[in-house]
Amino acid sequence: MKIKFFLFLLGIPLLCGCINFARLYPVRGPLSDQTPPPILHARVTEIFNSGNISVTLADGEVCKGHWRLVRQDLATTGPHAPSAPESNSLSAEWDAVYGPGYFVANILGTRFLARSVLSGNRGSILTVEMYKPDNAPPGSSPGVIKGVAKDNKDNIYKLTF
């Protein structure tokens, strides 16, 4: 009985959405040419509240960063212009992964877009964007969240939960 209770307590953070696991699949670049292409594993905390993300690359390098929601309703110039991370959208990567026009039709203007720039312990840089569709039901599973990423080694990834 104590073991079942202990396992239940360990499962609470996963059920609450505090920790989620994701995968990154290479869709373009040197890693996508490998057979089979490596699947990268990510750990994301606090889905769509702001949190941390870490990704283990194929060579074992660990990239870590803090992600946050992106305000897309800010002006593009002037005193309220977005900071550099907000103005560096992965629009081309969204279209490369999900098809032409996907960014404009689905991502642009959405309320639930998050971005992070992760730094690796061996010099890799990974930029990640993820979004939850505005029409997703409240409290829906992390599986409705979609994402893309790119690294500084010319790889583009599809992010899934």
N, C-alpha and C. Protein backbone atom coordinates (compact mmCIF):
# COMPACT_ATOMS: atom_id res chain seq x y z
N MET A 1 0.82 -1.19 0.00
CA MET A 1 0.00 0.00 0.00
C MET A 1 0.86 1.26 0.00
N LYS A 2 1.95 1.23 0.78
CA LYS A 2 2.83 2.39 0.84
C LYS A 2 3.49 2.66 -0.51
N ILE A 3 3.80 1.59 -1.24
CA ILE A 3 4.44 1.76 -2.55
C ILE A 3 3.47 2.43 -3.52
N LYS A 4 2.23 2.01 -3.53
CA LYS A 4 1.23 2.62 -4.42
C LYS A 4 1.05 4.09 -4.09
N PHE A 5 1.00 4.41 -2.80
CA PHE A 5 0.84 5.81 -2.39
C PHE A 5 2.05 6.63 -2.82
N PHE A 6 3.25 6.08 -2.66
CA PHE A 6 4.47 6.77 -3.06
C PHE A 6 4.47 7.01 -4.57
N LEU A 7 4.10 5.99 -5.37
CA LEU A 7 4.04 6.17 -6.81
C LEU A 7 3.00 7.20 -7.21
N PHE A 8 1.89 7.23 -6.49
CA PHE A 8 0.86 8.25 -6.74
C PHE A 8 1.43 9.65 -6.50
N LEU A 9 2.16 9.82 -5.40
CA LEU A 9 2.75 11.13 -5.09
C LEU A 9 3.76 11.54 -6.14
N LEU A 10 4.52 10.59 -6.65
CA LEU A 10 5.49 10.91 -7.71
C LEU A 10 4.79 11.33 -8.99
N GLY A 11 3.60 10.80 -9.25
CA GLY A 11 2.87 11.11 -10.48
C GLY A 11 2.14 12.44 -10.46
N ILE A 12 1.96 13.04 -9.30
CA ILE A 12 1.20 14.29 -9.21
C ILE A 12 1.80 15.40 -10.06
N PRO A 13 3.13 15.66 -10.02
CA PRO A 13 3.65 16.73 -10.87
C PRO A 13 3.38 16.50 -12.35
N LEU A 14 3.43 15.25 -12.81
CA LEU A 14 3.14 14.97 -14.21
C LEU A 14 1.69 15.24 -14.54
N LEU A 15 0.80 14.87 -13.64
CA LEU A 15 -0.63 15.09 -13.87
C LEU A 15 -0.98 16.57 -13.83
N CYS A 16 -0.28 17.34 -13.06
CA CYS A 16 -0.56 18.78 -12.92
C CYS A 16 -0.01 19.58 -14.08
N GLY A 17 0.80 18.97 -14.93
CA GLY A 17 1.38 19.70 -16.04
C GLY A 17 2.63 20.46 -15.64
N CYS A 18 3.18 20.16 -14.47
CA CYS A 18 4.36 20.86 -14.00
C CYS A 18 5.60 20.44 -14.78
N ILE A 19 5.67 19.16 -15.14
CA ILE A 19 6.79 18.65 -15.91
C ILE A 19 6.21 17.88 -17.09
N ASN A 20 6.66 18.21 -18.27
CA ASN A 20 6.22 17.52 -19.47
C ASN A 20 7.43 17.11 -20.27
N PHE A 21 7.30 16.00 -20.94
CA PHE A 21 8.38 15.51 -21.77
C PHE A 21 7.99 15.67 -23.22
N ALA A 22 8.95 16.07 -24.03
CA ALA A 22 8.70 16.31 -25.44
C ALA A 22 9.81 15.65 -26.25
N ARG A 23 9.58 15.56 -27.54
CA ARG A 23 10.58 15.03 -28.45
C ARG A 23 10.78 16.02 -29.59
N LEU A 24 12.00 16.07 -30.06
CA LEU A 24 12.34 16.87 -31.23
C LEU A 24 12.80 15.94 -32.33
N TYR A 25 12.11 16.02 -33.47
CA TYR A 25 12.43 15.18 -34.62
C TYR A 25 13.08 16.04 -35.69
N PRO A 26 14.29 15.72 -36.13
CA PRO A 26 14.92 16.51 -37.20
C PRO A 26 14.16 16.33 -38.51
N VAL A 27 13.79 17.44 -39.14
CA VAL A 27 13.07 17.38 -40.42
C VAL A 27 13.88 17.97 -41.57
N ARG A 28 14.90 18.74 -41.24
CA ARG A 28 15.75 19.33 -42.27
C ARG A 28 17.13 19.57 -41.67
N GLY A 29 18.17 19.34 -42.46
CA GLY A 29 19.53 19.57 -42.00
C GLY A 29 20.32 18.28 -41.86
N PRO A 30 21.56 18.39 -41.39
CA PRO A 30 22.44 17.22 -41.31
C PRO A 30 21.88 16.07 -40.49
N LEU A 31 21.20 16.34 -39.38
CA LEU A 31 20.67 15.25 -38.56
C LEU A 31 19.55 14.50 -39.26
N SER A 32 18.77 15.20 -40.08
CA SER A 32 17.66 14.52 -40.78
C SER A 32 18.17 13.57 -41.86
N ASP A 33 19.43 13.73 -42.29
CA ASP A 33 20.02 12.86 -43.31
C ASP A 33 20.54 11.55 -42.72
N GLN A 34 20.65 11.47 -41.39
CA GLN A 34 21.14 10.25 -40.76
C GLN A 34 20.06 9.17 -40.81
N THR A 35 20.50 7.91 -40.86
CA THR A 35 19.55 6.80 -40.87
C THR A 35 19.84 5.90 -39.68
N PRO A 36 18.92 5.78 -38.75
CA PRO A 36 17.72 6.61 -38.57
C PRO A 36 18.10 7.95 -37.98
N PRO A 37 17.27 8.96 -38.21
CA PRO A 37 17.58 10.27 -37.62
C PRO A 37 17.43 10.19 -36.10
N PRO A 38 18.30 10.89 -35.37
CA PRO A 38 18.18 10.86 -33.90
C PRO A 38 16.94 11.61 -33.41
N ILE A 39 16.36 11.11 -32.36
CA ILE A 39 15.23 11.78 -31.72
C ILE A 39 15.75 12.40 -30.44
N LEU A 40 15.58 13.71 -30.30
CA LEU A 40 16.07 14.41 -29.11
C LEU A 40 14.97 14.45 -28.07
N HIS A 41 15.36 14.39 -26.82
CA HIS A 41 14.41 14.40 -25.72
C HIS A 41 14.51 15.71 -24.96
N ALA A 42 13.34 16.26 -24.64
CA ALA A 42 13.26 17.53 -23.93
C ALA A 42 12.43 17.37 -22.66
N ARG A 43 12.74 18.21 -21.72
CA ARG A 43 11.97 18.28 -20.47
C ARG A 43 11.54 19.74 -20.32
N VAL A 44 10.23 19.93 -20.22
CA VAL A 44 9.66 21.28 -20.15
C VAL A 44 8.88 21.40 -18.84
N THR A 45 9.12 22.48 -18.11
CA THR A 45 8.38 22.70 -16.87
C THR A 45 7.36 23.80 -17.07
N GLU A 46 6.26 23.68 -16.37
CA GLU A 46 5.20 24.71 -16.31
C GLU A 46 4.70 25.10 -17.69
N ILE A 47 4.03 24.19 -18.37
CA ILE A 47 3.51 24.48 -19.71
C ILE A 47 2.66 25.74 -19.70
N PHE A 48 3.05 26.70 -20.51
CA PHE A 48 2.38 27.96 -20.77
C PHE A 48 2.08 28.80 -19.53
N ASN A 49 3.03 28.83 -18.63
CA ASN A 49 3.04 29.80 -17.54
C ASN A 49 4.38 30.52 -17.52
N SER A 50 5.37 29.99 -18.15
CA SER A 50 6.77 30.37 -18.16
C SER A 50 7.50 29.34 -17.34
N GLY A 51 8.59 28.88 -17.82
CA GLY A 51 9.31 27.83 -17.12
C GLY A 51 10.65 27.55 -17.77
N ASN A 52 11.15 26.38 -17.52
CA ASN A 52 12.46 25.99 -18.03
C ASN A 52 12.31 24.86 -19.02
N ILE A 53 13.32 24.76 -19.88
CA ILE A 53 13.35 23.68 -20.86
C ILE A 53 14.79 23.21 -20.98
N SER A 54 14.96 21.91 -21.08
CA SER A 54 16.28 21.35 -21.35
C SER A 54 16.13 20.28 -22.42
N VAL A 55 17.11 20.23 -23.31
CA VAL A 55 17.11 19.28 -24.41
C VAL A 55 18.47 18.59 -24.44
N THR A 56 18.45 17.28 -24.57
CA THR A 56 19.69 16.53 -24.72
C THR A 56 19.89 16.25 -26.20
N LEU A 57 20.98 16.77 -26.75
CA LEU A 57 21.27 16.60 -28.17
C LEU A 57 21.80 15.20 -28.45
N ALA A 58 21.90 14.87 -29.73
CA ALA A 58 22.30 13.53 -30.15
C ALA A 58 23.68 13.13 -29.62
N ASP A 59 24.58 14.10 -29.47
CA ASP A 59 25.93 13.79 -29.00
C ASP A 59 26.04 13.85 -27.47
N GLY A 60 24.92 14.02 -26.77
CA GLY A 60 24.92 14.06 -25.32
C GLY A 60 25.00 15.46 -24.73
N GLU A 61 25.23 16.46 -25.55
CA GLU A 61 25.28 17.83 -25.05
C GLU A 61 23.91 18.22 -24.52
N VAL A 62 23.90 18.95 -23.42
CA VAL A 62 22.64 19.39 -22.81
C VAL A 62 22.48 20.89 -23.02
N CYS A 63 21.35 21.28 -23.60
CA CYS A 63 21.02 22.69 -23.80
C CYS A 63 19.91 23.06 -22.83
N LYS A 64 20.08 24.18 -22.16
CA LYS A 64 19.09 24.62 -21.18
C LYS A 64 18.72 26.07 -21.42
N GLY A 65 17.49 26.41 -21.06
CA GLY A 65 17.04 27.78 -21.17
C GLY A 65 15.73 27.99 -20.45
N HIS A 66 15.32 29.24 -20.41
CA HIS A 66 14.06 29.64 -19.80
C HIS A 66 13.14 30.09 -20.92
N TRP A 67 11.93 29.61 -20.93
CA TRP A 67 10.98 30.02 -21.96
C TRP A 67 9.90 30.88 -21.32
N ARG A 68 9.26 31.68 -22.17
CA ARG A 68 8.17 32.53 -21.71
C ARG A 68 7.24 32.81 -22.87
N LEU A 69 6.05 33.24 -22.51
CA LEU A 69 5.08 33.61 -23.54
C LEU A 69 5.56 34.84 -24.29
N VAL A 70 5.24 34.88 -25.57
CA VAL A 70 5.62 36.00 -26.42
C VAL A 70 4.41 36.88 -26.62
N ARG A 71 4.56 38.15 -26.34
CA ARG A 71 3.49 39.11 -26.58
C ARG A 71 3.51 39.49 -28.05
N GLN A 72 2.51 39.05 -28.79
CA GLN A 72 2.47 39.35 -30.22
C GLN A 72 1.66 40.61 -30.52
N ASP A 73 1.07 41.22 -29.50
CA ASP A 73 0.27 42.41 -29.75
C ASP A 73 1.07 43.69 -29.55
N LEU A 74 2.37 43.57 -29.33
CA LEU A 74 3.20 44.74 -29.13
C LEU A 74 3.55 45.36 -30.48
N ALA A 75 3.80 46.66 -30.46
CA ALA A 75 4.22 47.34 -31.68
C ALA A 75 5.60 46.83 -32.09
N THR A 76 5.91 46.91 -33.37
CA THR A 76 7.20 46.42 -33.84
C THR A 76 8.28 47.49 -33.75
N THR A 77 7.90 48.73 -33.51
CA THR A 77 8.88 49.80 -33.33
C THR A 77 8.43 50.69 -32.19
N GLY A 78 9.33 51.53 -31.73
CA GLY A 78 8.98 52.48 -30.68
C GLY A 78 9.27 51.94 -29.29
N PRO A 79 8.82 52.68 -28.27
CA PRO A 79 9.16 52.32 -26.89
C PRO A 79 8.56 51.00 -26.42
N HIS A 80 7.51 50.52 -27.09
CA HIS A 80 6.90 49.25 -26.69
C HIS A 80 7.25 48.11 -27.63
N ALA A 81 8.31 48.29 -28.40
CA ALA A 81 8.72 47.24 -29.34
C ALA A 81 9.17 46.00 -28.58
N PRO A 82 8.95 44.83 -29.17
CA PRO A 82 9.37 43.60 -28.49
C PRO A 82 10.88 43.53 -28.39
N SER A 83 11.36 42.82 -27.39
CA SER A 83 12.80 42.62 -27.25
C SER A 83 13.28 41.71 -28.36
N ALA A 84 14.58 41.54 -28.46
CA ALA A 84 15.16 40.73 -29.54
C ALA A 84 14.54 39.34 -29.65
N PRO A 85 14.33 38.60 -28.54
CA PRO A 85 13.75 37.27 -28.72
C PRO A 85 12.37 37.31 -29.38
N GLU A 86 11.56 38.33 -29.09
CA GLU A 86 10.24 38.39 -29.67
C GLU A 86 10.26 38.75 -31.15
N SER A 87 11.28 39.46 -31.58
CA SER A 87 11.31 39.87 -32.97
C SER A 87 12.01 38.83 -33.85
N ASN A 88 12.53 37.77 -33.27
CA ASN A 88 13.22 36.74 -34.03
C ASN A 88 12.35 35.50 -34.17
N SER A 89 11.25 35.63 -34.85
CA SER A 89 10.30 34.53 -35.02
C SER A 89 10.89 33.42 -35.86
N LEU A 90 10.41 32.22 -35.63
CA LEU A 90 10.79 31.07 -36.45
C LEU A 90 9.75 30.83 -37.54
N SER A 91 9.27 31.89 -38.17
CA SER A 91 8.20 31.76 -39.16
C SER A 91 8.57 30.82 -40.30
N ALA A 92 9.78 30.92 -40.80
CA ALA A 92 10.21 30.04 -41.90
C ALA A 92 10.26 28.58 -41.45
N GLU A 93 10.65 28.36 -40.20
CA GLU A 93 10.73 26.99 -39.68
C GLU A 93 9.33 26.39 -39.50
N TRP A 94 8.35 27.19 -39.03
CA TRP A 94 6.97 26.70 -38.93
C TRP A 94 6.49 26.24 -40.31
N ASP A 95 6.75 27.05 -41.32
CA ASP A 95 6.31 26.70 -42.67
C ASP A 95 7.07 25.49 -43.21
N ALA A 96 8.35 25.35 -42.87
CA ALA A 96 9.14 24.20 -43.33
C ALA A 96 8.64 22.90 -42.71
N VAL A 97 8.20 22.94 -41.45
CA VAL A 97 7.76 21.74 -40.76
C VAL A 97 6.30 21.40 -41.08
N TYR A 98 5.42 22.41 -41.06
CA TYR A 98 3.98 22.15 -41.16
C TYR A 98 3.37 22.53 -42.51
N GLY A 99 4.14 23.13 -43.41
CA GLY A 99 3.64 23.47 -44.73
C GLY A 99 3.57 24.97 -44.96
N PRO A 100 3.63 25.38 -46.24
CA PRO A 100 3.61 26.80 -46.58
C PRO A 100 2.38 27.51 -46.03
N GLY A 101 2.58 28.67 -45.46
CA GLY A 101 1.49 29.48 -44.94
C GLY A 101 1.03 29.12 -43.54
N TYR A 102 1.63 28.09 -42.93
CA TYR A 102 1.20 27.65 -41.61
C TYR A 102 1.40 28.73 -40.55
N PHE A 103 2.54 29.41 -40.62
CA PHE A 103 2.82 30.44 -39.62
C PHE A 103 1.77 31.54 -39.64
N VAL A 104 1.48 32.06 -40.82
CA VAL A 104 0.51 33.15 -40.93
C VAL A 104 -0.88 32.68 -40.53
N ALA A 105 -1.26 31.48 -40.93
CA ALA A 105 -2.62 30.98 -40.66
C ALA A 105 -2.83 30.55 -39.21
N ASN A 106 -1.78 30.09 -38.52
CA ASN A 106 -1.97 29.49 -37.20
C ASN A 106 -1.20 30.14 -36.06
N ILE A 107 -0.02 30.64 -36.32
CA ILE A 107 0.86 31.11 -35.25
C ILE A 107 0.74 32.62 -35.04
N LEU A 108 0.77 33.36 -36.12
CA LEU A 108 0.74 34.82 -36.05
C LEU A 108 -0.50 35.30 -35.31
N GLY A 109 -0.30 35.99 -34.22
CA GLY A 109 -1.40 36.55 -33.45
C GLY A 109 -1.97 35.64 -32.39
N THR A 110 -1.52 34.39 -32.31
CA THR A 110 -2.05 33.50 -31.29
C THR A 110 -1.67 33.98 -29.89
N ARG A 111 -2.51 33.67 -28.92
CA ARG A 111 -2.26 34.15 -27.55
C ARG A 111 -1.27 33.27 -26.81
N PHE A 112 -1.09 32.05 -27.25
CA PHE A 112 -0.28 31.10 -26.50
C PHE A 112 0.95 30.66 -27.28
N LEU A 113 1.85 31.60 -27.55
CA LEU A 113 3.11 31.31 -28.22
C LEU A 113 4.23 31.51 -27.22
N ALA A 114 5.09 30.53 -27.11
CA ALA A 114 6.22 30.61 -26.18
C ALA A 114 7.52 30.46 -26.97
N ARG A 115 8.57 31.11 -26.46
CA ARG A 115 9.86 31.05 -27.14
C ARG A 115 10.97 30.93 -26.11
N SER A 116 12.03 30.24 -26.52
CA SER A 116 13.21 30.10 -25.67
C SER A 116 14.45 29.96 -26.54
N VAL A 117 15.54 30.48 -26.03
CA VAL A 117 16.85 30.25 -26.63
C VAL A 117 17.65 29.46 -25.62
N LEU A 118 18.03 28.25 -26.00
CA LEU A 118 18.74 27.35 -25.10
C LEU A 118 20.22 27.35 -25.44
N SER A 119 21.04 27.35 -24.43
CA SER A 119 22.49 27.30 -24.60
C SER A 119 23.00 25.95 -24.15
N GLY A 120 23.88 25.37 -24.96
CA GLY A 120 24.45 24.08 -24.63
C GLY A 120 25.77 24.22 -23.88
N ASN A 121 26.14 23.15 -23.20
CA ASN A 121 27.39 23.18 -22.44
C ASN A 121 28.61 22.97 -23.33
N ARG A 122 28.40 22.83 -24.65
CA ARG A 122 29.52 22.71 -25.60
C ARG A 122 29.38 23.70 -26.76
N GLY A 123 28.57 24.74 -26.56
CA GLY A 123 28.47 25.80 -27.56
C GLY A 123 27.27 25.76 -28.49
N SER A 124 26.44 24.76 -28.41
CA SER A 124 25.26 24.71 -29.28
C SER A 124 24.21 25.71 -28.79
N ILE A 125 23.48 26.25 -29.74
CA ILE A 125 22.36 27.16 -29.46
C ILE A 125 21.13 26.57 -30.14
N LEU A 126 20.05 26.46 -29.38
CA LEU A 126 18.80 25.91 -29.89
C LEU A 126 17.70 26.91 -29.60
N THR A 127 17.00 27.35 -30.64
CA THR A 127 15.87 28.26 -30.49
C THR A 127 14.59 27.44 -30.66
N VAL A 128 13.67 27.58 -29.71
CA VAL A 128 12.45 26.78 -29.68
C VAL A 128 11.24 27.70 -29.61
N GLU A 129 10.22 27.37 -30.39
CA GLU A 129 8.91 28.01 -30.28
C GLU A 129 7.86 26.93 -30.16
N MET A 130 6.87 27.18 -29.31
CA MET A 130 5.76 26.24 -29.18
C MET A 130 4.48 27.04 -28.97
N TYR A 131 3.38 26.45 -29.44
CA TYR A 131 2.11 27.16 -29.28
C TYR A 131 0.99 26.18 -29.00
N LYS A 132 -0.02 26.72 -28.36
CA LYS A 132 -1.27 25.99 -28.10
C LYS A 132 -2.34 26.71 -28.90
N PRO A 133 -3.07 26.02 -29.76
CA PRO A 133 -4.09 26.69 -30.56
C PRO A 133 -5.11 27.42 -29.68
N ASP A 134 -5.53 28.59 -30.12
CA ASP A 134 -6.51 29.38 -29.36
C ASP A 134 -7.81 28.62 -29.17
N ASN A 135 -8.14 27.70 -30.08
CA ASN A 135 -9.40 26.97 -29.97
C ASN A 135 -9.28 25.67 -29.18
N ALA A 136 -8.10 25.42 -28.58
CA ALA A 136 -7.94 24.21 -27.76
C ALA A 136 -8.75 24.36 -26.48
N PRO A 137 -9.42 23.30 -26.06
CA PRO A 137 -10.23 23.40 -24.85
C PRO A 137 -9.37 23.70 -23.62
N PRO A 138 -9.89 24.48 -22.67
CA PRO A 138 -9.15 24.74 -21.43
C PRO A 138 -8.83 23.42 -20.73
N GLY A 139 -7.63 23.34 -20.20
CA GLY A 139 -7.22 22.14 -19.49
C GLY A 139 -6.89 20.97 -20.41
N SER A 140 -6.78 21.24 -21.73
CA SER A 140 -6.48 20.15 -22.65
C SER A 140 -5.06 19.63 -22.42
N SER A 141 -4.81 18.44 -22.89
CA SER A 141 -3.53 17.79 -22.66
C SER A 141 -2.42 18.51 -23.41
N PRO A 142 -1.16 18.31 -22.96
CA PRO A 142 -0.03 18.92 -23.66
C PRO A 142 0.08 18.47 -25.11
N GLY A 143 -0.59 17.36 -25.48
CA GLY A 143 -0.52 16.86 -26.84
C GLY A 143 -1.04 17.81 -27.89
N VAL A 144 -1.83 18.81 -27.50
CA VAL A 144 -2.32 19.78 -28.48
C VAL A 144 -1.27 20.85 -28.78
N ILE A 145 -0.22 20.89 -28.00
CA ILE A 145 0.84 21.88 -28.20
C ILE A 145 1.74 21.41 -29.33
N LYS A 146 2.04 22.33 -30.23
CA LYS A 146 2.94 22.05 -31.35
C LYS A 146 4.15 22.96 -31.23
N GLY A 147 5.24 22.57 -31.85
CA GLY A 147 6.42 23.41 -31.79
C GLY A 147 7.41 23.12 -32.88
N VAL A 148 8.36 24.04 -33.01
CA VAL A 148 9.48 23.90 -33.93
C VAL A 148 10.73 24.39 -33.21
N ALA A 149 11.86 24.00 -33.76
CA ALA A 149 13.14 24.45 -33.21
C ALA A 149 14.17 24.49 -34.33
N LYS A 150 15.20 25.27 -34.10
CA LYS A 150 16.35 25.28 -35.01
C LYS A 150 17.59 25.42 -34.15
N ASP A 151 18.69 24.88 -34.66
CA ASP A 151 19.95 25.02 -33.93
C ASP A 151 20.96 25.77 -34.78
N ASN A 152 22.12 26.00 -34.21
CA ASN A 152 23.15 26.74 -34.93
C ASN A 152 24.00 25.81 -35.81
N LYS A 153 23.48 24.62 -36.09
CA LYS A 153 24.17 23.66 -36.97
C LYS A 153 23.30 23.32 -38.18
N ASP A 154 22.38 24.23 -38.54
CA ASP A 154 21.52 24.12 -39.71
C ASP A 154 20.50 22.98 -39.64
N ASN A 155 20.06 22.62 -38.43
CA ASN A 155 19.01 21.62 -38.26
C ASN A 155 17.71 22.31 -37.88
N ILE A 156 16.61 21.80 -38.43
CA ILE A 156 15.26 22.25 -38.07
C ILE A 156 14.52 21.03 -37.51
N TYR A 157 13.76 21.24 -36.42
CA TYR A 157 13.11 20.15 -35.73
C TYR A 157 11.60 20.40 -35.59
N LYS A 158 10.86 19.30 -35.55
CA LYS A 158 9.45 19.33 -35.16
C LYS A 158 9.40 18.93 -33.70
N LEU A 159 8.71 19.72 -32.88
CA LEU A 159 8.59 19.47 -31.44
C LEU A 159 7.21 18.91 -31.15
N THR A 160 7.16 17.76 -30.48
CA THR A 160 5.88 17.15 -30.12
C THR A 160 5.88 16.81 -28.64
N PHE A 161 4.70 16.83 -28.05
CA PHE A 161 4.53 16.46 -26.64
C PHE A 161 3.82 15.14 -26.55
